Amino acid sequence: MITEFPQRITIDGFVYERKSAHNNAMYYDSKDNPSEITSRFISLYPNGELTYLWDGLELKWNKQFEVVKEIAN
């Protein structure tokens, strides 16, 4: 169970940055991913589930994500 949403995650090697909260989830966007479908409005839920928006529908995205660790100065 996710208790604090990470600032950055990777999915399939693309970096996604945290944007805004909605319902119980957090939106993430990627500047790296060239896909019009899976580069924006990716939702990460507290149970680790990922979804994406397509044509007004929220669809389950059966992918794994990794947290990008921040390096302390």
N, C-alpha and C. Protein backbone atom coordinates (compact mmCIF):
# COMPACT_ATOMS: atom_id res chain seq x y z
N MET A 1 0.84 -1.18 0.00
CA MET A 1 0.00 0.00 0.00
C MET A 1 0.89 1.24 0.00
N ILE A 2 0.62 2.15 -0.91
CA ILE A 2 1.38 3.39 -1.00
C ILE A 2 0.78 4.40 -0.03
N THR A 3 1.62 4.93 0.86
CA THR A 3 1.14 5.93 1.82
C THR A 3 1.54 7.35 1.40
N GLU A 4 2.62 7.46 0.62
CA GLU A 4 3.05 8.75 0.09
C GLU A 4 3.44 8.55 -1.37
N PHE A 5 2.84 9.30 -2.27
CA PHE A 5 3.12 9.13 -3.69
C PHE A 5 4.49 9.71 -4.03
N PRO A 6 5.30 8.95 -4.77
CA PRO A 6 6.64 9.42 -5.12
C PRO A 6 6.58 10.57 -6.13
N GLN A 7 7.64 11.39 -6.13
CA GLN A 7 7.74 12.51 -7.06
C GLN A 7 7.92 12.00 -8.49
N ARG A 8 8.75 10.97 -8.66
CA ARG A 8 9.03 10.42 -10.00
C ARG A 8 8.95 8.90 -9.96
N ILE A 9 8.42 8.35 -11.06
CA ILE A 9 8.40 6.90 -11.25
C ILE A 9 8.85 6.60 -12.68
N THR A 10 9.24 5.36 -12.91
CA THR A 10 9.51 4.93 -14.29
C THR A 10 8.57 3.78 -14.63
N ILE A 11 8.14 3.78 -15.89
CA ILE A 11 7.33 2.70 -16.45
C ILE A 11 7.92 2.42 -17.82
N ASP A 12 8.34 1.19 -18.05
CA ASP A 12 8.96 0.80 -19.33
C ASP A 12 10.13 1.71 -19.71
N GLY A 13 10.88 2.20 -18.70
CA GLY A 13 12.05 3.02 -18.97
C GLY A 13 11.75 4.50 -19.15
N PHE A 14 10.49 4.89 -19.18
CA PHE A 14 10.11 6.30 -19.31
C PHE A 14 9.90 6.91 -17.93
N VAL A 15 10.37 8.13 -17.73
CA VAL A 15 10.22 8.82 -16.46
C VAL A 15 8.90 9.57 -16.45
N TYR A 16 8.16 9.42 -15.36
CA TYR A 16 6.88 10.11 -15.16
C TYR A 16 7.00 10.96 -13.91
N GLU A 17 6.51 12.20 -13.98
CA GLU A 17 6.56 13.11 -12.85
C GLU A 17 5.17 13.32 -12.27
N ARG A 18 5.13 13.40 -10.94
CA ARG A 18 3.86 13.60 -10.23
C ARG A 18 3.28 14.97 -10.61
N LYS A 19 1.97 14.99 -10.83
CA LYS A 19 1.29 16.23 -11.21
C LYS A 19 0.28 16.66 -10.17
N SER A 20 -0.85 16.00 -10.10
CA SER A 20 -1.90 16.43 -9.17
C SER A 20 -2.69 15.24 -8.66
N ALA A 21 -3.29 15.44 -7.50
CA ALA A 21 -4.10 14.38 -6.90
C ALA A 21 -5.51 14.42 -7.47
N HIS A 22 -6.12 13.25 -7.55
CA HIS A 22 -7.54 13.15 -7.91
C HIS A 22 -8.10 11.90 -7.25
N ASN A 23 -9.27 12.05 -6.66
CA ASN A 23 -9.89 10.96 -5.90
C ASN A 23 -8.86 10.38 -4.94
N ASN A 24 -8.58 9.08 -5.01
CA ASN A 24 -7.59 8.45 -4.14
C ASN A 24 -6.23 8.30 -4.81
N ALA A 25 -6.10 8.80 -6.03
CA ALA A 25 -4.90 8.55 -6.83
C ALA A 25 -4.10 9.82 -7.07
N MET A 26 -2.97 9.64 -7.78
CA MET A 26 -2.13 10.75 -8.19
C MET A 26 -1.90 10.66 -9.70
N TYR A 27 -2.04 11.79 -10.38
CA TYR A 27 -1.74 11.85 -11.82
C TYR A 27 -0.24 11.99 -12.03
N TYR A 28 0.24 11.33 -13.09
CA TYR A 28 1.63 11.44 -13.53
C TYR A 28 1.64 11.67 -15.03
N ASP A 29 2.63 12.48 -15.49
CA ASP A 29 2.85 12.73 -16.91
C ASP A 29 4.31 12.44 -17.25
N SER A 30 4.56 12.10 -18.52
CA SER A 30 5.92 11.84 -18.98
C SER A 30 6.25 12.72 -20.18
N LYS A 31 7.42 13.35 -20.13
CA LYS A 31 7.92 14.10 -21.28
C LYS A 31 8.73 13.17 -22.20
N ASP A 32 9.12 12.01 -21.68
CA ASP A 32 9.94 11.05 -22.43
C ASP A 32 9.12 10.14 -23.34
N ASN A 33 7.94 9.76 -22.90
CA ASN A 33 7.13 8.79 -23.62
C ASN A 33 6.47 9.47 -24.82
N PRO A 34 6.74 8.98 -26.06
CA PRO A 34 6.17 9.61 -27.25
C PRO A 34 4.69 9.26 -27.49
N SER A 35 4.13 8.34 -26.75
CA SER A 35 2.75 7.91 -26.96
C SER A 35 1.76 8.99 -26.55
N GLU A 36 0.81 9.28 -27.42
CA GLU A 36 -0.24 10.23 -27.07
C GLU A 36 -1.17 9.66 -26.00
N ILE A 37 -1.24 8.35 -25.91
CA ILE A 37 -2.17 7.70 -24.99
C ILE A 37 -1.59 7.55 -23.59
N THR A 38 -0.35 7.08 -23.50
CA THR A 38 0.21 6.75 -22.19
C THR A 38 1.29 7.72 -21.71
N SER A 39 1.32 8.92 -22.26
CA SER A 39 2.30 9.90 -21.77
C SER A 39 1.69 10.89 -20.79
N ARG A 40 0.34 10.95 -20.73
CA ARG A 40 -0.32 11.91 -19.86
C ARG A 40 -1.45 11.25 -19.08
N PHE A 41 -1.75 11.81 -17.93
CA PHE A 41 -2.87 11.37 -17.10
C PHE A 41 -2.80 9.89 -16.71
N ILE A 42 -1.59 9.47 -16.35
CA ILE A 42 -1.42 8.14 -15.79
C ILE A 42 -1.76 8.25 -14.31
N SER A 43 -2.61 7.39 -13.82
CA SER A 43 -2.99 7.42 -12.41
C SER A 43 -2.33 6.28 -11.65
N LEU A 44 -1.77 6.61 -10.50
CA LEU A 44 -1.22 5.62 -9.59
C LEU A 44 -2.10 5.63 -8.34
N TYR A 45 -2.64 4.47 -8.01
CA TYR A 45 -3.52 4.32 -6.85
C TYR A 45 -2.74 3.77 -5.66
N PRO A 46 -3.24 3.97 -4.45
CA PRO A 46 -2.53 3.49 -3.25
C PRO A 46 -2.23 1.99 -3.26
N ASN A 47 -3.04 1.20 -3.96
CA ASN A 47 -2.80 -0.24 -4.03
C ASN A 47 -1.76 -0.61 -5.09
N GLY A 48 -1.16 0.39 -5.76
CA GLY A 48 -0.14 0.15 -6.78
C GLY A 48 -0.69 -0.01 -8.18
N GLU A 49 -2.00 0.07 -8.33
CA GLU A 49 -2.61 -0.08 -9.65
C GLU A 49 -2.36 1.17 -10.49
N LEU A 50 -2.05 0.94 -11.78
CA LEU A 50 -1.87 2.02 -12.74
C LEU A 50 -3.04 2.03 -13.72
N THR A 51 -3.50 3.23 -14.08
CA THR A 51 -4.52 3.37 -15.11
C THR A 51 -4.10 4.50 -16.04
N TYR A 52 -4.73 4.54 -17.22
CA TYR A 52 -4.52 5.64 -18.15
C TYR A 52 -5.87 6.06 -18.72
N LEU A 53 -5.94 7.31 -19.18
CA LEU A 53 -7.17 7.81 -19.77
C LEU A 53 -7.09 7.72 -21.29
N TRP A 54 -8.14 7.20 -21.89
CA TRP A 54 -8.20 7.13 -23.34
C TRP A 54 -9.65 7.36 -23.77
N ASP A 55 -9.85 8.39 -24.56
CA ASP A 55 -11.16 8.69 -25.10
C ASP A 55 -12.22 8.83 -24.00
N GLY A 56 -11.81 9.44 -22.89
CA GLY A 56 -12.73 9.68 -21.78
C GLY A 56 -12.93 8.51 -20.84
N LEU A 57 -12.26 7.39 -21.09
CA LEU A 57 -12.38 6.21 -20.25
C LEU A 57 -11.10 5.98 -19.46
N GLU A 58 -11.24 5.60 -18.21
CA GLU A 58 -10.08 5.23 -17.40
C GLU A 58 -9.89 3.72 -17.50
N LEU A 59 -8.76 3.32 -18.07
CA LEU A 59 -8.49 1.91 -18.33
C LEU A 59 -7.33 1.41 -17.49
N LYS A 60 -7.44 0.18 -17.01
CA LYS A 60 -6.38 -0.44 -16.22
C LYS A 60 -5.16 -0.65 -17.12
N TRP A 61 -3.99 -0.31 -16.59
CA TRP A 61 -2.74 -0.46 -17.33
C TRP A 61 -1.91 -1.50 -16.60
N ASN A 62 -1.80 -2.66 -17.16
CA ASN A 62 -1.11 -3.78 -16.52
C ASN A 62 0.41 -3.65 -16.67
N LYS A 63 0.95 -2.65 -16.02
CA LYS A 63 2.39 -2.39 -16.04
C LYS A 63 2.90 -2.32 -14.62
N GLN A 64 4.20 -2.48 -14.48
CA GLN A 64 4.88 -2.31 -13.20
C GLN A 64 5.59 -0.96 -13.23
N PHE A 65 5.73 -0.33 -12.09
CA PHE A 65 6.46 0.92 -12.01
C PHE A 65 7.58 0.78 -11.00
N GLU A 66 8.56 1.67 -11.11
CA GLU A 66 9.64 1.75 -10.15
C GLU A 66 9.75 3.19 -9.69
N VAL A 67 10.07 3.37 -8.43
CA VAL A 67 10.25 4.70 -7.87
C VAL A 67 11.65 5.19 -8.22
N VAL A 68 11.75 6.43 -8.71
CA VAL A 68 13.05 7.05 -8.97
C VAL A 68 13.51 7.66 -7.65
N LYS A 69 14.61 7.15 -7.14
CA LYS A 69 15.14 7.63 -5.85
C LYS A 69 15.77 9.00 -6.03
N GLU A 70 15.44 9.90 -5.12
CA GLU A 70 16.03 11.23 -5.12
C GLU A 70 17.37 11.16 -4.39
N ILE A 71 18.37 11.82 -4.94
CA ILE A 71 19.69 11.85 -4.31
C ILE A 71 19.78 13.08 -3.44
N ALA A 72 20.09 12.86 -2.17
CA ALA A 72 20.22 13.98 -1.23
C ALA A 72 21.51 14.72 -1.47
N ASN A 73 21.47 16.03 -1.31
CA ASN A 73 22.68 16.85 -1.49
C ASN A 73 23.50 16.89 -0.24
